[in-house]
Protein backbone atom coordinates (compact mmCIF):
# COMPACT_ATOMS: atom_id res chain seq x y z
CA MET A 1 -60.69 23.78 -27.39
CA LYS A 2 -58.65 26.91 -28.05
CA LYS A 3 -59.32 29.58 -25.48
CA ALA A 4 -60.46 33.03 -26.50
CA LEU A 5 -57.78 35.50 -27.46
CA LEU A 6 -56.99 38.47 -25.31
CA PHE A 7 -57.20 41.03 -28.09
CA ALA A 8 -54.70 43.83 -27.98
CA GLY A 9 -53.93 46.75 -30.25
CA PHE A 10 -50.48 47.63 -31.52
CA CYS A 11 -49.95 51.12 -30.26
CA ALA A 12 -46.48 51.84 -28.92
CA ILE A 13 -45.34 48.23 -29.05
CA ALA A 14 -41.73 47.78 -28.05
CA ILE A 15 -39.69 45.79 -25.62
CA ALA A 16 -39.06 47.76 -22.45
CA VAL A 17 -36.02 50.07 -22.58
CA SER A 18 -32.83 48.58 -21.11
CA ALA A 19 -34.51 45.21 -20.74
CA GLN A 20 -32.18 43.28 -23.04
CA ASN A 21 -28.51 42.51 -23.29
CA PRO A 22 -27.49 45.12 -25.86
CA PHE A 23 -25.63 44.71 -29.13
CA ALA A 24 -24.87 46.96 -32.10
CA TYR A 25 -26.45 46.47 -35.51
CA GLY A 26 -27.01 48.63 -38.60
CA ILE A 27 -23.26 49.33 -38.57
CA SER A 28 -21.64 51.47 -41.27
CA ALA A 29 -18.84 53.98 -41.74
CA ASP A 30 -18.44 57.11 -43.84
CA GLY A 31 -14.82 58.17 -43.64
CA VAL A 32 -14.20 58.38 -39.89
CA ASN A 33 -17.89 58.73 -38.97
CA VAL A 34 -19.34 55.46 -37.64
CA SER A 35 -23.08 54.81 -37.47
CA TYR A 36 -24.74 52.07 -35.42
CA THR A 37 -27.98 51.22 -33.63
CA LEU A 38 -28.35 49.68 -30.19
CA ASN A 39 -31.22 47.32 -29.43
CA ALA A 40 -31.13 48.38 -25.75
CA ASP A 41 -29.38 50.80 -23.41
CA ALA A 42 -25.71 50.10 -22.73
CA SER A 43 -23.19 51.34 -20.16
CA LYS A 44 -20.27 51.64 -22.59
CA VAL A 45 -19.66 51.49 -26.35
CA PHE A 46 -16.21 51.07 -27.92
CA ILE A 47 -15.24 51.31 -31.58
CA ASN A 48 -12.24 49.04 -32.09
CA LEU A 49 -10.05 49.83 -35.08
CA MET A 50 -8.32 46.76 -36.48
CA ASN A 51 -5.41 46.04 -38.79
CA GLY A 52 -6.27 42.48 -39.72
CA ASP A 53 -6.62 40.72 -36.38
CA VAL A 54 -4.52 43.31 -34.55
CA LEU A 55 -6.30 45.90 -32.40
CA VAL A 56 -4.88 49.31 -33.32
CA LYS A 57 -7.08 51.49 -31.14
CA ALA A 58 -10.15 51.17 -28.92
CA PHE A 59 -12.11 54.43 -29.07
CA GLU A 60 -14.82 54.88 -26.44
CA ALA A 61 -17.93 56.54 -27.80
CA PRO A 62 -18.77 59.81 -26.02
CA GLU A 63 -21.55 60.21 -23.47
CA GLY A 64 -25.00 60.03 -25.00
CA SER A 65 -23.98 57.34 -27.52
CA GLN A 66 -24.97 54.42 -25.29
CA THR A 67 -28.75 54.71 -25.39
CA LYS A 68 -31.15 52.46 -27.25
CA GLY A 69 -31.50 53.71 -30.82
CA SER A 70 -29.30 55.05 -33.63
CA HIS A 71 -26.06 57.00 -33.21
CA GLU A 72 -23.28 58.51 -35.30
CA VAL A 73 -19.83 58.93 -33.77
CA ALA A 74 -16.72 60.58 -35.23
CA VAL A 75 -13.69 58.48 -34.32
CA ASP A 76 -10.68 60.28 -32.81
CA ILE A 77 -7.88 59.72 -35.37
CA ASP A 78 -5.21 62.22 -34.23
CA ASP A 79 -2.77 59.45 -33.29
CA LEU A 80 -3.44 57.16 -36.25
CA GLN A 81 -1.61 56.70 -39.53
CA PRO A 82 -3.50 57.09 -42.82
CA GLY A 83 -5.05 53.90 -44.12
CA ASN A 84 -8.17 51.76 -44.27
CA TYR A 85 -9.14 50.09 -40.99
CA SER A 86 -11.64 47.35 -40.38
CA PHE A 87 -13.52 47.83 -37.13
CA GLN A 88 -15.71 46.25 -34.50
CA ILE A 89 -18.19 47.69 -32.03
CA THR A 90 -18.07 46.38 -28.46
CA VAL A 91 -21.10 47.06 -26.29
CA GLN A 92 -21.21 46.54 -22.52
CA GLY A 93 -24.64 46.15 -21.01
CA LEU A 94 -25.98 47.65 -17.84
CA PRO A 95 -25.18 45.84 -14.57
CA ASN A 96 -27.62 42.98 -14.17
CA GLN A 97 -27.65 39.96 -11.86
CA GLU A 98 -31.21 38.85 -12.55
CA ILE A 99 -32.93 36.79 -15.18
CA LYS A 100 -35.65 39.03 -16.56
CA GLU A 101 -38.80 38.28 -18.51
CA ILE A 102 -39.62 40.99 -21.01
CA PHE A 103 -42.90 41.37 -22.83
CA THR A 104 -43.57 43.28 -26.00
CA ASP A 105 -45.84 45.92 -24.55
CA THR A 106 -49.01 46.80 -26.41
CA GLY A 107 -49.59 49.85 -24.26
CA SER A 108 -52.21 48.05 -22.23
CA GLY A 109 -49.82 45.86 -20.29
CA GLN A 110 -50.58 42.87 -22.52
CA PRO A 111 -47.79 41.06 -24.36
CA HIS A 112 -47.78 40.75 -28.13
CA GLN A 113 -50.54 38.30 -28.92
CA PHE A 114 -50.51 35.36 -31.32
CA TRP A 115 -52.88 32.46 -31.80
CA SER A 116 -50.53 29.51 -32.45
CA PRO A 117 -46.89 30.62 -32.75
CA TYR A 118 -44.67 27.59 -33.42
CA GLY A 119 -41.51 28.93 -35.05
CA LEU A 120 -38.81 31.45 -34.11
CA ALA A 121 -35.53 32.46 -35.75
CA VAL A 122 -33.05 35.33 -35.43
CA ASP A 123 -30.62 36.46 -38.14
CA ASN A 124 -27.29 36.40 -36.27
CA ASN A 125 -25.06 37.03 -39.28
CA PRO A 126 -23.39 40.48 -38.92
CA ASN A 127 -22.80 40.52 -42.70
CA SER A 128 -26.50 40.17 -43.40
CA PRO A 129 -28.38 43.35 -44.34
CA HIS A 130 -31.10 42.03 -42.01
CA PHE A 131 -28.78 41.30 -39.06
CA GLY A 132 -30.78 41.10 -35.83
CA ARG A 133 -34.16 40.53 -37.50
CA VAL A 134 -36.55 38.25 -35.55
CA LEU A 135 -39.05 36.05 -37.40
CA VAL A 136 -42.08 34.33 -35.86
CA THR A 137 -44.39 31.86 -37.57
CA GLU A 138 -48.13 31.90 -36.91
CA THR A 139 -49.66 28.61 -37.97
CA GLN A 140 -53.38 28.92 -37.23
CA ALA A 141 -54.12 32.61 -36.86
CA ASN A 142 -57.73 33.73 -36.62
CA MET A 143 -57.85 36.33 -39.38
CA GLY A 144 -60.93 37.91 -37.84
CA ALA A 145 -59.05 38.74 -34.66
CA THR A 146 -58.17 42.32 -33.83
CA TYR A 147 -54.62 41.75 -32.60
CA PHE A 148 -51.95 43.37 -34.76
CA ALA A 149 -54.39 46.31 -34.88
CA GLY A 150 -56.57 44.25 -37.21
CA LYS A 151 -53.83 44.24 -39.85
CA ASN A 152 -52.69 40.63 -39.50
CA VAL A 153 -52.53 38.29 -42.48
CA GLY A 154 -53.45 35.14 -40.59
CA ALA A 155 -51.01 32.25 -40.78
CA GLY A 156 -47.56 33.11 -42.07
CA ILE A 157 -44.37 34.90 -41.01
CA TYR A 158 -44.23 37.95 -38.75
CA GLU A 159 -41.16 40.17 -38.42
CA TYR A 160 -39.64 42.19 -35.57
CA ASP A 161 -36.65 44.48 -35.49
CA PRO A 162 -33.92 43.87 -32.84
CA GLN A 163 -35.62 46.36 -30.49
CA GLY A 164 -38.80 44.29 -30.42
CA ASN A 165 -40.87 46.46 -32.73
CA PRO A 166 -43.16 44.69 -35.22
CA VAL A 167 -42.28 45.52 -38.82
CA GLU A 168 -44.99 46.36 -41.33
CA SER A 169 -44.89 45.00 -44.86
CA ALA A 170 -44.87 47.29 -47.89
CA GLU A 171 -48.64 46.84 -47.97
CA GLY A 172 -48.93 48.24 -44.44
CA LEU A 173 -49.78 44.85 -42.92
CA TYR A 174 -48.24 42.83 -40.14
CA GLY A 175 -47.13 39.47 -41.48
CA TYR A 176 -46.58 37.71 -44.80
CA ASN A 177 -48.87 35.01 -46.20
CA PRO A 178 -48.10 34.59 -49.91
CA LEU A 179 -49.57 31.06 -50.05
CA LYS A 180 -52.93 32.37 -48.83
CA PHE A 181 -53.12 29.83 -46.04
CA THR A 182 -56.69 29.11 -45.02
CA ASN A 183 -57.28 28.98 -41.27
CA PHE A 184 -58.68 25.93 -39.51
CA LYS A 185 -59.03 23.93 -42.71
CA TYR A 186 -59.85 20.23 -42.48
CA VAL A 187 -58.03 18.11 -45.02
CA GLY A 188 -58.79 14.82 -46.71
CA GLY A 189 -60.30 12.06 -44.62
CA ALA A 190 -58.31 12.97 -41.52
CA ALA A 191 -60.21 15.05 -39.02
CA SER A 192 -57.19 17.19 -38.33
CA THR A 193 -56.84 20.92 -38.28
CA ALA A 194 -54.22 22.06 -40.78
CA PHE A 195 -50.90 23.35 -39.50
CA HIS A 196 -49.56 25.95 -41.89
CA ALA A 197 -46.27 27.82 -41.35
CA LYS A 198 -44.64 25.70 -38.64
CA LYS A 199 -40.91 26.25 -38.09
CA VAL A 200 -38.69 28.99 -39.50
CA ARG A 201 -34.90 28.79 -39.70
CA ILE A 202 -32.17 31.16 -40.90
CA THR A 203 -28.84 29.78 -42.12
CA LYS A 204 -25.42 31.16 -41.24
CA ASP A 205 -25.33 32.96 -44.58
CA GLY A 206 -28.80 34.46 -44.21
CA ARG A 207 -31.05 32.12 -46.19
CA ILE A 208 -34.55 31.72 -44.74
CA PHE A 209 -36.60 28.51 -44.79
CA VAL A 210 -40.12 27.78 -43.55
CA GLY A 211 -41.65 24.37 -42.85
CA VAL A 212 -45.33 23.66 -43.58
CA LEU A 213 -47.51 20.94 -42.02
CA ASN A 214 -50.87 21.25 -43.75
CA THR A 215 -50.52 18.26 -46.15
CA ILE A 216 -51.49 20.55 -49.05
CA ASP A 217 -48.49 22.80 -49.67
CA ASN A 218 -44.80 22.02 -50.15
CA PRO A 219 -43.16 20.84 -46.90
CA ILE A 220 -40.30 23.38 -47.08
CA TYR A 221 -40.16 26.83 -48.69
CA GLU A 222 -37.26 29.19 -49.12
CA VAL A 223 -38.12 32.80 -48.40
CA ASN A 224 -36.42 35.77 -50.07
CA PRO A 225 -34.74 37.72 -47.22
CA ASP A 226 -35.40 40.99 -49.07
CA ASP A 227 -39.05 40.17 -49.76
CA LEU A 228 -40.76 38.01 -47.14
CA ASN A 229 -43.75 37.67 -49.45
CA ALA A 230 -41.64 35.69 -51.96
CA TRP A 231 -41.67 31.97 -51.12
CA SER A 232 -40.34 29.24 -53.42
CA PRO A 233 -40.83 25.47 -52.86
CA VAL A 234 -37.70 23.49 -52.06
CA PHE A 235 -38.97 20.03 -52.99
CA ASP A 236 -39.53 19.71 -56.72
CA GLY A 237 -42.15 17.01 -57.11
CA THR A 238 -45.84 16.20 -56.98
CA ILE A 239 -47.80 16.46 -53.74
CA ASN A 240 -50.39 13.77 -53.03
CA THR A 241 -53.19 15.58 -51.20
CA GLU A 242 -55.60 12.64 -51.25
CA GLY A 243 -56.57 11.44 -47.80
CA GLY A 244 -54.52 14.19 -46.22
CA GLU A 245 -51.24 12.41 -46.98
CA GLY A 246 -49.26 15.40 -48.20
CA TYR A 247 -46.21 13.38 -49.32
CA VAL A 248 -44.11 14.77 -52.16
CA TYR A 249 -43.13 12.25 -54.85
CA THR A 250 -40.51 12.43 -57.59
CA ALA A 251 -41.33 12.08 -61.29
CA ASP A 252 -40.63 8.34 -60.85
CA GLN A 253 -43.13 8.18 -57.95
CA GLU A 254 -40.40 7.76 -55.34
CA PHE A 255 -40.89 9.29 -51.90
CA LEU A 256 -39.23 12.70 -51.73
CA ALA A 257 -40.47 14.41 -48.55
CA ALA A 258 -43.26 14.52 -45.97
CA PRO A 259 -45.07 17.52 -44.44
CA SER A 260 -42.73 19.24 -42.01
CA ALA A 261 -43.47 18.82 -38.31
CA ALA A 262 -39.99 20.22 -37.57
CA PHE A 263 -36.74 20.82 -39.40
CA ASP A 264 -33.34 22.35 -38.80
CA VAL A 265 -30.55 23.70 -41.02
CA TRP A 266 -26.79 23.36 -40.73
CA GLY A 267 -23.86 24.89 -42.58
CA GLU A 268 -23.79 27.43 -45.38
CA GLY A 269 -22.91 27.78 -49.03
CA ASP A 270 -22.02 24.48 -50.69
CA ASP A 271 -22.17 22.72 -47.30
CA LEU A 272 -25.77 23.66 -46.47
CA LYS A 273 -27.99 20.75 -45.44
CA PHE A 274 -31.18 20.31 -43.47
CA ALA A 275 -33.02 17.54 -41.66
CA ASN A 276 -36.80 17.31 -42.00
CA LEU A 277 -38.93 15.50 -39.42
CA GLY A 278 -41.95 14.68 -41.54
CA CYS A 279 -45.44 13.67 -40.53
CA GLN A 280 -48.15 12.17 -42.71
CA TYR A 281 -51.15 13.26 -40.70
CA GLY A 282 -50.82 16.98 -40.13
CA GLN A 283 -51.91 17.92 -36.64
CA ASN A 284 -53.25 14.46 -35.80
CA TYR A 285 -51.56 12.47 -33.07
CA ALA A 286 -50.14 9.30 -34.58
CA PHE A 287 -47.36 6.86 -33.80
CA GLY A 288 -45.02 5.11 -36.21
CA SER A 289 -45.76 7.29 -39.24
CA TYR A 290 -42.93 9.80 -39.00
CA THR A 291 -39.88 10.20 -41.21
CA CYS A 292 -36.61 12.06 -40.70
CA TYR A 293 -34.26 12.52 -43.63
CA GLU A 294 -31.26 14.73 -44.31
CA TYR A 295 -31.09 16.66 -47.57
CA ASN A 296 -27.95 18.26 -49.02
CA LEU A 297 -29.13 21.50 -50.59
CA GLY A 298 -25.88 23.45 -50.91
CA LYS A 299 -26.38 26.57 -53.02
CA ASN A 300 -29.20 24.94 -54.97
CA LYS A 301 -32.77 26.19 -54.77
CA THR A 302 -34.61 22.88 -55.17
CA ILE A 303 -34.28 19.17 -54.46
CA SER A 304 -35.78 16.67 -56.90
CA ALA A 305 -33.89 13.44 -56.15
CA ALA A 306 -35.33 10.96 -53.66
CA PRO A 307 -33.34 10.62 -50.42
CA ALA A 308 -31.16 7.51 -50.15
CA SER A 309 -31.44 5.05 -47.29
CA GLU A 310 -28.24 6.43 -45.77
CA ASP A 311 -29.88 9.88 -45.60
CA ARG A 312 -32.41 8.56 -43.10
CA VAL A 313 -31.91 9.71 -39.50
CA THR A 314 -32.82 6.26 -38.24
CA PRO A 315 -33.62 6.90 -34.55
CA TYR A 316 -36.13 9.61 -35.52
CA THR A 317 -37.80 7.66 -38.33
CA TYR A 318 -40.97 5.68 -37.53
CA GLN A 319 -40.08 5.90 -33.82
CA TYR A 320 -40.64 8.27 -30.91
CA SER A 321 -42.79 10.95 -32.55
CA ILE A 322 -46.46 11.19 -31.74
CA SER A 323 -46.96 14.94 -31.39
CA SER A 324 -46.57 16.70 -34.71
CA GLN A 325 -47.35 19.93 -32.89
CA SER A 326 -44.95 20.24 -29.95
CA VAL A 327 -41.76 18.81 -31.40
CA SER A 328 -38.45 20.31 -32.55
CA ILE A 329 -35.02 19.19 -33.72
CA ALA A 330 -31.66 21.01 -33.59
CA TYR A 331 -28.29 20.21 -35.15
CA ASP A 332 -25.10 20.28 -33.13
CA ALA A 333 -22.27 22.61 -34.12
CA ASP A 334 -20.53 19.94 -36.21
CA GLY A 335 -23.67 18.85 -38.04
CA LYS A 336 -23.11 15.25 -36.88
CA GLY A 337 -25.60 15.21 -34.04
CA ILE A 338 -29.28 16.13 -33.73
CA TRP A 339 -31.32 16.91 -30.61
CA TYR A 340 -34.95 15.85 -30.59
CA VAL A 341 -37.43 17.34 -28.11
CA GLN A 342 -41.12 16.49 -27.85
CA TYR A 343 -43.76 17.47 -25.30
CA ARG A 344 -45.24 14.50 -23.49
CA SER A 345 -46.93 14.93 -20.10
CA THR A 346 -45.88 11.38 -19.20
CA PRO A 347 -42.86 10.58 -21.38
CA THR A 348 -41.79 6.99 -21.99
CA GLU A 349 -39.18 5.24 -24.09
CA ALA A 350 -41.83 4.83 -26.79
CA GLN A 351 -42.93 8.47 -26.50
CA PRO A 352 -39.91 10.28 -25.05
CA SER A 353 -39.32 13.91 -24.26
CA ILE A 354 -35.63 14.34 -25.17
CA LYS A 355 -33.31 12.26 -27.33
CA HIS A 356 -30.00 12.82 -29.08
CA ALA A 357 -28.51 10.91 -31.99
CA THR A 358 -25.05 11.06 -33.57
CA ILE A 359 -23.52 9.79 -36.80
CA ASN A 360 -21.00 7.08 -35.92
CA GLU A 361 -17.79 6.22 -37.76
CA ASP A 362 -19.71 3.95 -40.12
CA GLY A 363 -22.02 6.79 -41.13
CA ASP A 364 -24.99 5.37 -39.23
CA TRP A 365 -27.14 7.33 -36.80
CA GLU A 366 -27.19 6.05 -33.23
CA GLU A 367 -29.08 7.28 -30.18
CA ASP A 368 -26.62 8.30 -27.45
CA TYR A 369 -28.72 10.34 -25.02
CA SER A 370 -32.17 9.80 -23.55
CA ASP A 371 -34.30 11.73 -21.06
CA ILE A 372 -37.77 10.33 -20.40
CA THR A 373 -38.34 12.14 -17.10
CA THR A 374 -38.32 15.78 -18.18
CA ILE A 375 -41.70 17.16 -19.21
CA ALA A 376 -40.53 19.27 -22.14
CA ARG A 377 -43.62 21.48 -22.33
CA GLY A 378 -43.86 22.97 -25.81
CA GLY A 379 -41.16 20.81 -27.35
CA GLY A 380 -38.71 23.57 -28.35
CA VAL A 381 -34.92 23.36 -28.52
CA ALA A 382 -32.23 25.81 -29.68
CA TRP A 383 -28.50 26.55 -29.52
CA ASN A 384 -27.11 30.05 -29.20
CA LYS A 385 -25.04 31.46 -32.05
CA ASP A 386 -21.69 29.95 -31.00
CA TYR A 387 -23.11 26.66 -29.66
CA THR A 388 -22.03 27.31 -26.07
CA MET A 389 -25.57 27.14 -24.63
CA LEU A 390 -28.49 24.81 -25.36
CA ALA A 391 -32.03 25.76 -24.29
CA MET A 392 -35.08 23.49 -23.94
CA PRO A 393 -38.09 23.27 -21.63
CA LYS A 394 -37.85 21.48 -18.28
CA ASN A 395 -41.54 21.59 -17.36
CA SER A 396 -44.53 23.90 -17.58
CA ASN A 397 -43.31 27.47 -17.01
CA VAL A 398 -39.67 26.35 -16.63
CA LEU A 399 -36.94 26.77 -19.25
CA GLY A 400 -33.56 25.09 -18.91
CA VAL A 401 -30.31 26.43 -20.35
CA TYR A 402 -27.35 24.04 -20.46
CA THR A 403 -23.72 23.74 -21.42
CA VAL A 404 -22.95 20.55 -23.31
CA ALA A 405 -19.77 18.48 -23.23
CA LYS A 406 -18.89 15.12 -24.73
CA GLU A 407 -17.95 12.07 -22.68
CA ASN A 408 -17.03 8.92 -24.60
CA GLY A 409 -18.65 10.56 -27.62
CA ALA A 410 -22.01 11.10 -25.92
CA PRO A 411 -23.41 14.49 -24.80
CA VAL A 412 -23.33 15.45 -21.12
CA LEU A 413 -25.57 18.34 -20.07
CA THR A 414 -24.73 20.70 -17.21
CA GLU A 415 -27.45 23.09 -16.14
CA LYS A 416 -26.46 26.75 -16.36
CA TYR A 417 -29.87 28.37 -15.74
CA SER A 418 -33.27 27.14 -14.64
CA ILE A 419 -35.70 29.91 -15.52
CA ASN A 420 -39.21 30.20 -14.10
CA THR A 421 -41.35 32.04 -16.63
CA ALA A 422 -44.88 33.26 -17.18
CA ILE A 423 -44.86 31.32 -20.43
CA ARG A 424 -46.33 27.85 -19.96
CA GLY A 425 -44.80 26.01 -22.89
CA PHE A 426 -41.96 26.67 -25.29
CA ASN A 427 -43.05 25.73 -28.81
CA ASP A 428 -39.90 27.31 -30.18
CA ILE A 429 -36.82 29.04 -28.84
CA ALA A 430 -34.22 31.32 -30.43
CA PHE A 431 -31.15 33.15 -29.12
CA ASP A 432 -30.19 36.54 -30.52
CA TYR A 433 -26.64 37.84 -30.95
CA ALA A 434 -26.39 38.94 -27.29
CA ASN A 435 -27.88 35.72 -25.87
CA ASN A 436 -31.29 37.18 -25.20
CA ILE A 437 -33.76 34.30 -25.58
CA TYR A 438 -36.99 34.58 -27.56
CA VAL A 439 -39.68 32.03 -26.74
CA CYS A 440 -43.21 31.49 -28.04
CA ASP A 441 -46.15 29.49 -26.71
CA ASN A 442 -49.45 28.45 -28.30
CA GLY A 443 -50.98 27.96 -24.85
CA LYS A 444 -50.40 31.45 -23.47
CA GLU A 445 -50.52 32.69 -27.07
CA TYR A 446 -47.69 35.15 -27.16
CA MET A 447 -44.00 35.73 -27.78
CA GLN A 448 -41.68 36.73 -24.96
CA LEU A 449 -38.05 37.67 -24.39
CA ILE A 450 -35.76 36.48 -21.59
CA GLN A 451 -32.61 38.37 -20.63
CA LEU A 452 -29.77 36.23 -19.29
CA PRO A 453 -27.30 37.80 -16.85
CA ASP A 454 -24.14 36.48 -18.52
CA SER A 455 -22.08 38.98 -16.49
CA PRO A 456 -23.12 40.86 -13.33
CA ASN A 457 -21.24 43.91 -14.63
CA GLY A 458 -23.14 43.87 -17.90
CA THR A 459 -22.87 41.45 -20.79
CA VAL A 460 -20.14 42.40 -23.28
CA VAL A 461 -20.91 41.77 -26.96
CA THR A 462 -18.59 42.56 -29.89
CA THR A 463 -20.06 42.89 -33.37
CA PRO A 464 -17.78 43.11 -36.41
CA ALA A 465 -18.72 45.66 -39.03
CA PRO A 466 -20.14 44.09 -42.20
CA MET A 467 -17.64 43.11 -44.87
CA GLY A 468 -16.71 46.11 -46.98
CA GLN A 469 -17.29 48.61 -44.19
CA GLU A 470 -14.03 50.37 -43.24
CA ILE A 471 -12.87 53.49 -41.44
CA ILE A 472 -10.85 55.40 -44.04
CA ILE A 473 -8.20 57.84 -42.84
CA THR A 474 -6.62 59.97 -45.55
CA PRO A 475 -3.44 62.03 -45.10
CA THR A 476 -5.42 65.26 -45.26
CA ALA A 477 -7.41 64.13 -42.25
CA VAL A 478 -4.34 63.89 -40.02
CA ASN A 479 -3.57 67.05 -38.03
CA ASP A 480 -0.16 68.49 -38.88
CA ILE A 481 1.78 69.43 -35.76
CA ASN A 482 2.90 72.74 -37.28
CA ALA A 483 -0.59 73.54 -38.55
CA LYS A 484 0.73 73.84 -42.08
CA THR A 485 -1.76 74.15 -44.92
CA VAL A 486 -1.99 71.25 -47.34
CA SER A 487 -1.85 72.52 -50.91
CA SER A 488 -2.24 69.19 -52.73
CA VAL A 489 -2.19 65.40 -52.31
CA GLN A 490 -1.09 63.02 -55.04
CA TYR A 491 -1.18 59.23 -55.18
CA VAL A 492 1.38 57.24 -57.16
CA ASN A 493 0.90 53.53 -57.87
CA ILE A 494 3.57 50.90 -58.47
CA ASN A 495 3.47 51.64 -62.23
CA GLY A 496 4.30 55.28 -61.65
CA GLN A 497 0.83 56.56 -62.51
CA VAL A 498 -0.27 59.69 -60.65
CA SER A 499 -3.81 60.53 -59.51
CA ASN A 500 -5.68 62.76 -57.08
CA GLU A 501 -7.50 59.64 -55.80
CA PRO A 502 -5.86 56.50 -54.35
CA PHE A 503 -5.40 53.51 -56.64
CA THR A 504 -6.46 50.02 -55.60
CA GLY A 505 -3.41 48.36 -54.06
CA ILE A 506 -0.18 50.04 -52.90
CA ASN A 507 0.00 53.84 -53.11
CA VAL A 508 2.82 56.29 -52.41
CA VAL A 509 1.11 59.37 -51.00
CA VAL A 510 2.84 62.72 -51.62
CA THR A 511 1.43 65.56 -49.53
CA ASN A 512 2.54 69.07 -50.55
CA TYR A 513 2.29 71.98 -48.12
CA SER A 514 1.95 75.70 -48.66
CA ASP A 515 5.43 76.34 -47.23
CA GLY A 516 7.00 74.23 -49.98
CA SER A 517 7.65 71.15 -47.88
CA LYS A 518 6.20 67.74 -48.51
CA THR A 519 5.77 64.35 -46.85
CA VAL A 520 5.77 60.90 -48.40
CA ALA A 521 3.88 57.91 -47.01
CA LYS A 522 2.68 54.53 -48.22
CA ILE A 523 -0.88 53.24 -47.91
CA VAL A 524 -2.76 50.21 -49.20
CA LYS A 525 -6.30 50.55 -50.48
């Protein structure tokens, strides 16, 4: 039986100041003025001007530009040649040698409350207009509850900014529920409570996908990043809702997909694919009825062709899974291996806690790692953005963070951190750009943040400016050593055309001064 919620209002919700490893987001430039926002207090901020991959200058932002929030800094350009410079922002955190648990504070000392949060994702693409956004799925929300200041939409997606503030929709609500999920709905002949929005994942190029486990709706939806109320089904077929099956079939009545207990995405653009761990019986515990198939989506919006036998992730099909609730999968960096984590209080080979499978040279999936001793409470698993750390639960209230190497082709885990937390289970896990870890738990019923002390002197994180953002230095912006007055500037392209504005490509810049002298320089726009 679900315990009663600790209701909490949403006044002054934010993660505690300085309680995260900081990074810069919302980066832009206007001439030599650079704007950025910090998710947390920092000790130092540098603006690095680049010529390709070459560092031209590292400009330290002045005092007062290191605090959590938005800043605008004018870059010192006195010693720089005219031109267009790409740039990065390097942020050094405050000294920290402790692992810290951070709660989103409701003003009453209570963390941000959910009912059944099962999915977490962070947009870690600096080129995304939503870089740093945090998404949480609520799968069984009580719409009559008063958390979210009574403005929740029940099951669906909820959004946070990188500072830990909940983001309201255009309608002034917290959360997005375009499918009008009904809470605690019993389906078909199976006495199982429906699981609605289950997992959420964001691809490297910013596409958002949500898995659904209610046996009524499409197993996977793509969500418009600019409108989280706009969901479109990925599997193009007919859903059989009789008896609570929820399978999607093609026009030829071939199996296409099953309701999504867990899924993960890999790649981007034409190479985008995902694996879906499907379950026929919604929330019900069952053994031997699970499927796991890979689907190559690429840049397409829908999939209508039935998966082939070689698309089946064999070790995770019909085997292992019993808990459609507390289970997750995660691709390796190369897309050729998948971690599988499931909560079992007494794991066995038949009902394990942690497995790993890899595609061999013949294109077949083989299990190459097994852990049936760890009690992976919550069943979450996640890599950080550059695949240098893997996080998954070790037990109740204990999260493990590991480095992973390969030995004879099989993964070898080395523990980096063992973190005792107030959270009991870890239904899902997500790293942000600075290796802060978000976790959520349906038992304690909230989301939480964990700060890792990657460096005792303060974690250093470099964020490139989005593509197209440059620091532009024009000849008139460079101080003349004789303080001469510039009377005019002309730009000449390779065809001999003259303009008061630079042409695209190579320009000869002629600067005329009031004393009759002139200088000639070359720039590339």
